[in-house]
């Protein structure tokens, strides 16, 4: 477990939030750091992320996920598929406490961690499922389904399409925006938007891919 210099991490997080002009309060930033501290602590046992340096986790995980938050404006009920250590799901839940966020993963260790985060940070808007997304059934379908580096777009849509509400959309967090992945998307889905993201201190390509049902 790498040394956790909270003051230095808080500064980088605050600077990134300011640079991206996000409405993330100081209290929410403290919660994000609490989450990062838990990830740093549990990582050696549960292998939640390949990153071991908390400063890298701030840029590659927190700021990276925060950059996508404005795309969820208006969303009320979100599903994060293949949530892993909680990215972007936990970040969404902290920065948008008015929004319900469900997270699903097949790996018990990872969902155990997510439940621990939910309990310790008292995130009443979070639900955690341990199963394949293909097997999930809900009475209240999701207006946005998201994932971060989870799977090929076609698989993502095929496995979780049954959970999307009428008029809802997929928002996939990707590194590059591979055209061949977009071309393989099966009917009735279509890419409706592609948005490059600028993440402070991160020298890497980031894109959001928006997918909806064809009218």
Protein backbone atom coordinates (compact mmCIF):
# COMPACT_ATOMS: atom_id res chain seq x y z
CA UNK A 1 0.00 0.00 0.00
CA UNK A 2 1.54 3.29 -1.11
CA UNK A 3 1.79 6.24 1.28
CA UNK A 4 -1.44 8.24 1.19
CA UNK A 5 -0.64 11.98 1.36
CA UNK A 6 -4.21 13.23 1.71
CA UNK A 7 -3.42 16.96 1.54
CA UNK A 8 -1.45 16.62 -1.71
CA UNK A 9 -4.13 14.36 -3.24
CA UNK A 10 -6.87 16.80 -2.16
CA UNK A 11 -5.07 19.64 -3.92
CA UNK A 12 -4.77 17.75 -7.22
CA UNK A 13 -8.42 16.71 -7.00
CA UNK A 14 -9.59 20.26 -6.21
CA UNK A 15 -7.48 21.71 -9.04
CA UNK A 16 -8.91 19.15 -11.49
CA UNK A 17 -12.51 19.83 -10.41
CA UNK A 18 -11.91 23.57 -10.85
CA UNK A 19 -10.24 23.13 -14.26
CA UNK A 20 -13.21 21.06 -15.51
CA UNK A 21 -15.67 23.56 -13.93
CA UNK A 22 -17.57 20.79 -12.14
CA UNK A 23 -20.16 21.37 -9.43
CA UNK A 24 -18.47 19.04 -6.93
CA UNK A 25 -18.63 20.46 -3.41
CA UNK A 26 -15.73 20.36 -0.92
CA UNK A 27 -17.72 17.80 1.10
CA UNK A 28 -18.11 15.60 -2.00
CA UNK A 29 -14.38 15.93 -2.70
CA UNK A 30 -13.69 14.69 0.85
CA UNK A 31 -15.96 11.70 0.16
CA UNK A 32 -14.07 10.98 -3.06
CA UNK A 33 -10.81 10.96 -1.09
CA UNK A 34 -12.37 8.65 1.53
CA UNK A 35 -13.29 6.31 -1.34
CA UNK A 36 -9.75 6.52 -2.73
CA UNK A 37 -8.32 5.72 0.71
CA UNK A 38 -10.51 2.60 0.90
CA UNK A 39 -9.42 1.56 -2.60
CA UNK A 40 -5.78 2.08 -1.63
CA UNK A 41 -6.28 0.00 1.53
CA UNK A 42 -8.23 -2.88 -0.06
CA UNK A 43 -6.25 -2.99 -3.29
CA UNK A 44 -3.43 -5.19 -2.01
CA UNK A 45 -5.95 -7.89 -1.01
CA UNK A 46 -8.64 -7.49 -3.66
CA UNK A 47 -6.64 -6.30 -6.67
CA UNK A 48 -9.17 -3.62 -7.59
CA UNK A 49 -6.81 -1.70 -9.87
CA UNK A 50 -3.37 -2.25 -11.37
CA UNK A 51 -2.40 1.22 -10.17
CA UNK A 52 -0.61 1.33 -6.82
CA UNK A 53 0.23 5.03 -6.55
CA UNK A 54 -2.61 7.10 -4.97
CA UNK A 55 -1.60 10.17 -7.00
CA UNK A 56 -2.06 8.19 -10.21
CA UNK A 57 -5.39 6.95 -8.88
CA UNK A 58 -6.56 10.56 -8.52
CA UNK A 59 -5.89 11.36 -12.17
CA UNK A 60 -6.59 7.97 -13.82
CA UNK A 61 -9.62 7.07 -11.69
CA UNK A 62 -11.25 10.04 -9.94
CA UNK A 63 -10.65 12.84 -12.45
CA UNK A 64 -11.11 10.42 -15.36
CA UNK A 65 -14.56 9.41 -14.07
CA UNK A 66 -15.48 12.96 -13.01
CA UNK A 67 -14.84 14.19 -16.57
CA UNK A 68 -17.82 12.08 -17.66
CA UNK A 69 -20.24 13.37 -14.98
CA UNK A 70 -21.73 16.26 -17.05
CA UNK A 71 -22.89 13.71 -19.65
CA UNK A 72 -25.24 12.28 -16.99
CA UNK A 73 -27.13 15.55 -16.49
CA UNK A 74 -30.82 14.75 -16.18
CA UNK A 75 -30.24 11.04 -15.51
CA UNK A 76 -32.12 9.68 -12.48
CA UNK A 77 -31.48 5.93 -12.53
CA UNK A 78 -28.11 4.66 -13.76
CA UNK A 79 -26.53 1.20 -14.08
CA UNK A 80 -22.74 0.74 -14.14
CA UNK A 81 -21.94 -2.60 -15.82
CA UNK A 82 -18.71 -4.40 -14.91
CA UNK A 83 -18.31 -1.86 -12.12
CA UNK A 84 -15.10 -3.40 -10.75
CA UNK A 85 -13.77 -1.12 -8.04
CA UNK A 86 -16.59 1.37 -8.61
CA UNK A 87 -15.58 3.43 -11.61
CA UNK A 88 -17.48 5.40 -12.68
CA UNK A 89 -20.36 4.22 -10.43
CA UNK A 90 -19.11 5.34 -7.01
CA UNK A 91 -17.84 8.64 -8.45
CA UNK A 92 -21.26 9.25 -10.04
CA UNK A 93 -23.05 8.37 -6.78
CA UNK A 94 -20.92 10.78 -4.74
CA UNK A 95 -21.07 13.68 -7.20
CA UNK A 96 -24.79 13.18 -7.95
CA UNK A 97 -26.48 12.22 -4.64
CA UNK A 98 -29.88 12.94 -6.27
CA UNK A 99 -29.33 10.08 -8.74
CA UNK A 100 -29.80 6.35 -8.09
CA UNK A 101 -26.73 4.33 -9.09
CA UNK A 102 -26.76 0.53 -9.41
CA UNK A 103 -23.49 -1.33 -9.96
CA UNK A 104 -23.07 -4.88 -11.18
CA UNK A 105 -20.05 -7.17 -11.36
CA UNK A 106 -19.55 -10.94 -11.41
CA UNK A 107 -16.51 -10.86 -9.09
CA UNK A 108 -17.53 -11.29 -5.44
CA UNK A 109 -14.40 -9.59 -4.08
CA UNK A 110 -15.17 -6.45 -6.07
CA UNK A 111 -18.83 -6.28 -5.08
CA UNK A 112 -17.83 -6.89 -1.44
CA UNK A 113 -15.59 -3.84 -1.72
CA UNK A 114 -18.41 -1.79 -3.29
CA UNK A 115 -20.75 -2.76 -0.43
CA UNK A 116 -18.05 -1.72 2.05
CA UNK A 117 -17.73 1.68 0.32
CA UNK A 118 -21.52 2.10 0.34
CA UNK A 119 -21.65 1.38 4.09
CA UNK A 120 -18.63 3.45 5.16
CA UNK A 121 -19.54 6.49 3.03
CA UNK A 122 -23.27 6.09 3.79
CA UNK A 123 -24.24 6.20 0.11
CA UNK A 124 -27.99 5.63 0.31
CA UNK A 125 -28.37 6.05 -3.48
CA UNK A 126 -26.21 2.98 -4.28
CA UNK A 127 -27.29 -0.61 -5.04
CA UNK A 128 -24.81 -3.43 -5.68
CA UNK A 129 -25.50 -6.67 -7.62
CA UNK A 130 -23.21 -9.72 -7.89
CA UNK A 131 -24.14 -11.54 -11.10
CA UNK A 132 -23.92 -11.45 -14.88
CA UNK A 133 -25.73 -8.44 -16.30
CA UNK A 134 -27.53 -10.82 -18.71
CA UNK A 135 -29.27 -12.37 -15.67
CA UNK A 136 -30.29 -9.12 -13.98
CA UNK A 137 -34.01 -8.31 -13.94
CA UNK A 138 -35.38 -5.04 -12.54
CA UNK A 139 -38.86 -3.55 -12.19
CA UNK A 140 -37.52 -0.02 -12.67
CA UNK A 141 -35.46 0.10 -15.86
CA UNK A 142 -32.47 2.44 -16.22
CA UNK A 143 -32.45 5.71 -18.15
CA UNK A 144 -28.66 5.45 -18.57
CA UNK A 145 -26.48 2.34 -18.68
CA UNK A 146 -22.75 2.98 -18.50
CA UNK A 147 -19.46 1.10 -18.41
CA UNK A 148 -15.79 1.97 -18.30
CA UNK A 149 -13.43 -0.15 -20.37
CA UNK A 150 -15.81 -3.08 -19.85
CA UNK A 151 -16.29 -4.88 -23.16
CA UNK A 152 -16.70 -4.51 -26.90
CA UNK A 153 -19.65 -2.17 -27.56
CA UNK A 154 -21.66 -4.89 -29.29
CA UNK A 155 -21.37 -7.23 -26.30
CA UNK A 156 -22.16 -4.42 -23.87
CA UNK A 157 -25.38 -3.59 -25.76
CA UNK A 158 -26.41 -7.19 -26.29
CA UNK A 159 -25.91 -8.19 -22.64
CA UNK A 160 -27.58 -5.21 -21.03
CA UNK A 161 -30.06 -3.87 -23.62
CA UNK A 162 -33.02 -5.52 -21.84
CA UNK A 163 -32.42 -3.21 -18.84
CA UNK A 164 -32.66 0.11 -20.72
CA UNK A 165 -35.82 2.14 -20.28
CA UNK A 166 -37.75 3.50 -23.26
CA UNK A 167 -35.93 6.60 -24.50
CA UNK A 168 -32.83 5.75 -22.46
CA UNK A 169 -29.22 5.71 -23.65
CA UNK A 170 -25.90 3.97 -23.20
CA UNK A 171 -22.83 6.00 -22.29
CA UNK A 172 -19.62 3.98 -22.72
CA UNK A 173 -16.39 5.39 -21.29
CA UNK A 174 -13.64 4.46 -23.72
CA UNK A 175 -10.00 5.32 -24.29
CA UNK A 176 -9.84 5.62 -28.04
CA UNK A 177 -13.07 5.62 -30.03
CA UNK A 178 -12.52 2.62 -32.33
CA UNK A 179 -14.56 2.99 -35.52
CA UNK A 180 -14.60 -0.78 -36.15
CA UNK A 181 -16.36 -1.31 -32.79
CA UNK A 182 -18.99 1.26 -33.74
CA UNK A 183 -19.50 -0.31 -37.16
CA UNK A 184 -20.23 -3.70 -35.60
CA UNK A 185 -23.11 -2.42 -33.46
CA UNK A 186 -26.20 -4.56 -34.14
CA UNK A 187 -29.71 -3.27 -34.86
CA UNK A 188 -31.72 -1.72 -33.27
CA UNK A 189 -28.81 0.27 -31.76
CA UNK A 190 -26.98 3.23 -33.26
CA UNK A 191 -24.20 5.57 -32.14
CA UNK A 192 -25.76 8.98 -31.58
CA UNK A 193 -22.71 10.85 -30.34
CA UNK A 194 -18.99 10.77 -29.69
CA UNK A 195 -17.43 13.14 -27.19
CA UNK A 196 -13.69 13.53 -26.55
CA UNK A 197 -12.84 14.25 -22.90
CA UNK A 198 -10.03 16.38 -21.57
CA UNK A 199 -8.86 14.99 -18.23
CA UNK A 200 -6.48 17.25 -16.26
CA UNK A 201 -2.96 15.80 -15.89
CA UNK A 202 -3.86 12.76 -18.00
CA UNK A 203 -1.91 12.44 -21.24
CA UNK A 204 -4.20 9.88 -22.86
CA UNK A 205 -7.18 9.74 -25.18
CA UNK A 206 -10.59 9.52 -23.54
CA UNK A 207 -13.99 9.39 -25.27
CA UNK A 208 -17.62 8.95 -24.41
CA UNK A 209 -19.67 6.90 -26.87
CA UNK A 210 -23.43 7.50 -26.80
CA UNK A 211 -25.74 4.78 -28.12
CA UNK A 212 -29.55 4.76 -28.39
CA UNK A 213 -32.24 2.61 -29.96
CA UNK A 214 -33.02 3.57 -33.55
CA UNK A 215 -36.38 5.26 -33.80
